[in-house]
Amino acid sequence: MRATLFRYTQYMAILYIIGTPIGNLGDISLRAIEMFKKADLVACEDTRRTLKLLNHLEIRTKMLSCRSQNEEFAAHKVIEALNSGLTVAYASDAGTPALSDPGAVLARLAAGAGHEVIPIPGPSAFASLVSVSGGMDKTIVFEGFLSPKPGRRKSRLRELMAMDAAVVLYESPFRILKLLADIAEIDESRYLCVGREMTKVHEEYTRGTAGRIYADFAEKKEQLGEFSVFISGNKTN
């Protein structure tokens, strides 16, 4: 009788990295909902924020905090769950994990432990802003949040704006005016697109030169909402 060779592979659990809405809950994907329902455990940056989303979706699942301050410690808890055969979903507060959000440490350690790490694509402030910026750059550098220290912020801005590439930054309402002032000081003619409260009720986009946009923002009494800033490349637009 002819021998038959069977190959056995060890079953490993799956960690799903899920992109969630950056504002409008209607942006959640059908696949993301499916994975949240499938998960035995939901690890997340802030259990309070993710609980609101899960409640909206009428999903009841055990949760585990996995924020930047405890990501490595929490990652080992997630790996223990994966080792026991549980399916785990991870979500940051908003948008795609690991883009100025926790998630990278967890993904690396889970993969290193032999588990599958699968992305569930979803909303991203970075991609959303680029899509409406009107920029013509072939290369785009995502920098996220710059240092809150004025000297470091301006020094890094000079480096970024010297590149032949567009740059996308995130900024809080408390420092957006200072950021725009620094950009305008370096190159007041540079084309910008500034997104505020993207996908939310009061979302708006401001496009124009750095000097003009800074002047417009400086006239406002206060800045409200979270901001994303597209800076065109040195030799484009």
Protein backbone atom coordinates (compact mmCIF):
# COMPACT_ATOMS: atom_id res chain seq x y z
CA MET A 1 0.00 0.00 0.00
CA ARG A 2 1.25 3.42 -0.90
CA ALA A 3 2.04 5.60 2.08
CA THR A 4 0.26 8.94 2.34
CA LEU A 5 2.05 11.92 3.83
CA PHE A 6 -0.01 14.17 6.04
CA ARG A 7 1.21 17.58 7.13
CA TYR A 8 -0.04 18.98 10.36
CA THR A 9 0.26 22.65 11.23
CA GLN A 10 -0.17 24.02 14.70
CA TYR A 11 -3.32 26.10 15.04
CA MET A 12 -2.56 29.68 16.00
CA ALA A 13 -5.11 32.30 16.95
CA ILE A 14 -5.67 35.57 15.10
CA LEU A 15 -5.28 39.17 16.19
CA TYR A 16 -7.35 41.56 14.08
CA ILE A 17 -6.17 45.19 13.93
CA ILE A 18 -9.36 47.15 13.23
CA GLY A 19 -9.76 50.63 11.80
CA THR A 20 -12.66 52.48 13.44
CA PRO A 21 -14.48 55.75 12.62
CA ILE A 22 -12.62 59.02 13.18
CA GLY A 23 -15.92 60.73 13.95
CA ASN A 24 -18.97 59.57 12.04
CA LEU A 25 -19.98 56.14 13.33
CA GLY A 26 -21.56 55.43 9.96
CA ASP A 27 -18.03 54.96 8.58
CA ILE A 28 -17.58 51.62 10.36
CA SER A 29 -17.13 48.87 7.78
CA LEU A 30 -19.27 45.74 7.59
CA ARG A 31 -16.13 43.64 7.96
CA ALA A 32 -15.09 45.54 11.11
CA ILE A 33 -18.51 44.86 12.63
CA GLU A 34 -18.18 41.19 11.70
CA MET A 35 -14.76 40.93 13.36
CA PHE A 36 -15.93 42.67 16.53
CA LYS A 37 -18.79 40.16 16.76
CA LYS A 38 -16.41 37.28 16.12
CA ALA A 39 -13.84 38.35 18.71
CA ASP A 40 -13.64 36.67 22.09
CA LEU A 41 -11.77 39.69 23.44
CA VAL A 42 -11.55 43.32 22.35
CA ALA A 43 -8.31 45.07 23.30
CA CYS A 44 -8.46 48.83 22.91
CA GLU A 45 -6.74 52.12 23.63
CA ASP A 46 -9.56 53.42 25.84
CA THR A 47 -12.27 51.01 26.98
CA ARG A 48 -14.71 53.90 27.50
CA ARG A 49 -14.37 55.13 23.92
CA THR A 50 -14.55 51.69 22.34
CA LEU A 51 -17.45 50.69 24.60
CA LYS A 52 -19.50 53.53 23.09
CA LEU A 53 -18.83 52.13 19.62
CA LEU A 54 -19.63 48.55 20.65
CA ASN A 55 -22.82 49.69 22.39
CA HIS A 56 -23.81 51.51 19.20
CA LEU A 57 -23.29 48.23 17.32
CA GLU A 58 -25.10 46.27 20.06
CA ILE A 59 -22.05 44.09 20.64
CA ARG A 60 -21.21 42.74 24.09
CA THR A 61 -17.64 41.45 24.34
CA LYS A 62 -15.03 41.31 27.10
CA MET A 63 -12.61 44.23 26.87
CA LEU A 64 -8.97 44.88 27.82
CA SER A 65 -7.21 48.25 28.05
CA CYS A 66 -4.14 48.43 25.79
CA ARG A 67 -3.04 52.07 25.64
CA SER A 68 0.36 53.58 24.92
CA GLN A 69 1.24 53.79 28.64
CA ASN A 70 0.78 50.05 29.21
CA GLU A 71 0.93 48.63 25.68
CA GLU A 72 3.77 46.17 26.22
CA PHE A 73 2.31 44.85 29.48
CA ALA A 74 -1.18 44.57 27.95
CA ALA A 75 0.27 42.96 24.82
CA HIS A 76 1.43 40.01 26.91
CA LYS A 77 -2.11 39.68 28.27
CA VAL A 78 -3.38 39.62 24.69
CA ILE A 79 -0.80 37.00 23.75
CA GLU A 80 -1.95 34.85 26.67
CA ALA A 81 -5.47 35.05 25.25
CA LEU A 82 -4.21 34.18 21.77
CA ASN A 83 -2.19 31.28 23.17
CA SER A 84 -5.38 29.87 24.67
CA GLY A 85 -7.02 29.95 21.24
CA LEU A 86 -9.10 33.11 21.63
CA THR A 87 -9.72 35.50 18.76
CA VAL A 88 -8.75 39.07 19.66
CA ALA A 89 -9.69 42.37 18.02
CA TYR A 90 -7.71 45.55 18.68
CA ALA A 91 -8.96 49.10 18.13
CA SER A 92 -7.52 52.49 19.00
CA ASP A 93 -9.77 55.40 19.97
CA ALA A 94 -10.38 56.47 16.37
CA GLY A 95 -8.97 55.69 12.96
CA THR A 96 -6.35 53.10 12.11
CA PRO A 97 -4.15 51.76 14.95
CA ALA A 98 -0.40 52.50 14.88
CA LEU A 99 -0.88 55.79 12.96
CA SER A 100 -0.13 58.17 15.85
CA ASP A 101 -2.04 55.64 17.98
CA PRO A 102 -1.01 52.54 19.94
CA GLY A 103 -1.01 49.20 18.16
CA ALA A 104 2.46 48.74 16.70
CA VAL A 105 3.95 47.12 19.83
CA LEU A 106 1.01 44.74 20.12
CA ALA A 107 1.17 43.76 16.44
CA ARG A 108 4.93 43.11 16.61
CA LEU A 109 4.81 41.04 19.79
CA ALA A 110 1.79 39.00 18.69
CA ALA A 111 3.41 38.20 15.35
CA GLY A 112 6.66 37.36 17.13
CA ALA A 113 4.75 34.89 19.30
CA GLY A 114 3.65 33.08 16.15
CA HIS A 115 0.11 34.38 15.83
CA GLU A 116 -1.48 35.80 12.70
CA VAL A 117 -1.96 39.57 12.74
CA ILE A 118 -4.57 40.62 10.17
CA PRO A 119 -5.59 44.21 9.26
CA ILE A 120 -9.23 45.19 8.92
CA PRO A 121 -8.89 48.42 6.90
CA GLY A 122 -10.89 51.40 8.01
CA PRO A 123 -10.97 55.18 8.37
CA SER A 124 -7.77 57.19 8.71
CA ALA A 125 -7.47 60.95 9.17
CA PHE A 126 -4.23 60.79 7.16
CA ALA A 127 -5.77 59.13 4.09
CA SER A 128 -8.97 61.16 4.37
CA LEU A 129 -7.13 64.47 4.33
CA VAL A 130 -4.86 63.48 1.44
CA SER A 131 -7.90 62.49 -0.62
CA VAL A 132 -9.39 66.00 -0.47
CA SER A 133 -6.19 68.07 -0.22
CA GLY A 134 -5.75 68.65 -3.92
CA GLY A 135 -2.04 67.96 -3.52
CA MET A 136 -0.15 66.68 -6.55
CA ASP A 137 2.79 65.14 -4.70
CA LYS A 138 3.92 61.61 -5.53
CA THR A 139 5.60 61.20 -2.15
CA ILE A 140 3.86 61.91 1.15
CA VAL A 141 5.49 61.78 4.58
CA PHE A 142 3.24 61.07 7.55
CA GLU A 143 4.71 62.67 10.67
CA GLY A 144 1.71 62.76 13.00
CA PHE A 145 2.13 65.02 16.04
CA LEU A 146 5.25 67.17 16.30
CA SER A 147 6.93 68.01 19.58
CA PRO A 148 5.02 70.56 21.69
CA LYS A 149 8.35 72.28 22.42
CA PRO A 150 8.69 75.31 20.09
CA GLY A 151 12.36 74.80 19.24
CA ARG A 152 12.01 71.12 18.41
CA ARG A 153 8.78 71.69 16.49
CA LYS A 154 10.25 74.39 14.27
CA SER A 155 13.49 72.49 13.71
CA ARG A 156 11.63 69.37 12.59
CA LEU A 157 9.31 71.46 10.41
CA ARG A 158 12.30 72.92 8.58
CA GLU A 159 13.62 69.42 7.90
CA LEU A 160 10.26 68.17 6.66
CA MET A 161 9.54 71.21 4.49
CA ALA A 162 12.97 70.96 2.85
CA MET A 163 11.97 67.59 1.38
CA ASP A 164 10.55 67.20 -2.10
CA ALA A 165 7.51 65.55 -0.56
CA ALA A 166 4.21 66.48 1.00
CA VAL A 167 3.81 66.17 4.76
CA VAL A 168 0.76 65.33 6.87
CA LEU A 169 0.64 66.41 10.50
CA TYR A 170 -1.88 66.13 13.31
CA GLU A 171 -2.40 68.91 15.83
CA SER A 172 -4.59 69.81 18.79
CA PRO A 173 -6.76 72.96 18.98
CA PHE A 174 -4.38 74.29 21.64
CA ARG A 175 -1.33 74.38 19.35
CA ILE A 176 -2.72 74.65 15.81
CA LEU A 177 -2.15 78.41 15.59
CA LYS A 178 1.47 78.05 16.72
CA LEU A 179 2.01 75.30 14.14
CA LEU A 180 0.53 77.39 11.33
CA ALA A 181 2.66 80.37 12.41
CA ASP A 182 5.82 78.26 12.21
CA ILE A 183 4.89 76.90 8.76
CA ALA A 184 4.17 80.40 7.46
CA GLU A 185 7.45 81.71 8.87
CA ILE A 186 9.39 78.98 7.05
CA ASP A 187 7.54 79.38 3.74
CA GLU A 188 4.46 81.60 3.61
CA SER A 189 3.77 80.63 -0.02
CA ARG A 190 3.56 76.90 0.65
CA TYR A 191 0.20 75.32 -0.23
CA LEU A 192 -1.73 73.86 2.72
CA CYS A 193 -4.97 72.04 3.31
CA VAL A 194 -6.17 72.07 6.90
CA GLY A 195 -8.93 69.68 7.96
CA ARG A 196 -10.92 70.26 11.13
CA GLU A 197 -13.29 67.80 12.81
CA MET A 198 -13.21 65.50 9.80
CA THR A 199 -16.35 63.39 9.23
CA LYS A 200 -18.06 65.11 12.17
CA VAL A 201 -20.96 67.58 12.17
CA HIS A 202 -18.79 70.70 12.00
CA GLU A 203 -16.08 69.42 9.64
CA GLU A 204 -14.41 71.99 7.42
CA TYR A 205 -11.41 72.30 5.12
CA THR A 206 -9.28 75.36 4.51
CA ARG A 207 -6.99 75.48 1.48
CA GLY A 208 -4.48 78.10 0.41
CA THR A 209 -1.03 79.46 1.12
CA ALA A 210 0.50 79.09 4.56
CA GLY A 211 0.56 82.86 5.05
CA ARG A 212 -3.10 83.32 4.14
CA ILE A 213 -4.31 80.40 6.23
CA TYR A 214 -2.35 81.54 9.28
CA ALA A 215 -3.84 85.03 8.94
CA ASP A 216 -7.36 83.59 8.70
CA PHE A 217 -6.89 81.40 11.76
CA ALA A 218 -5.30 84.23 13.74
CA GLU A 219 -8.51 86.24 13.35
CA LYS A 220 -10.59 83.59 15.09
CA LYS A 221 -11.27 83.94 18.81
CA GLU A 222 -10.69 80.24 19.49
CA GLN A 223 -9.82 77.06 17.65
CA LEU A 224 -12.19 74.13 18.14
CA GLY A 225 -11.78 70.48 17.22
CA GLU A 226 -8.93 68.25 16.16
CA PHE A 227 -6.82 69.24 13.14
CA SER A 228 -4.96 67.49 10.33
CA VAL A 229 -2.59 69.53 8.16
CA PHE A 230 -1.42 68.74 4.62
CA ILE A 231 1.74 70.64 3.58
CA SER A 232 2.62 70.42 -0.11
CA GLY A 233 6.11 69.45 -1.20
CA ASN A 234 8.91 71.95 -1.72
CA LYS A 235 8.76 71.86 -5.52
CA THR A 236 5.11 71.06 -6.13
CA ASN A 237 1.69 72.73 -6.33
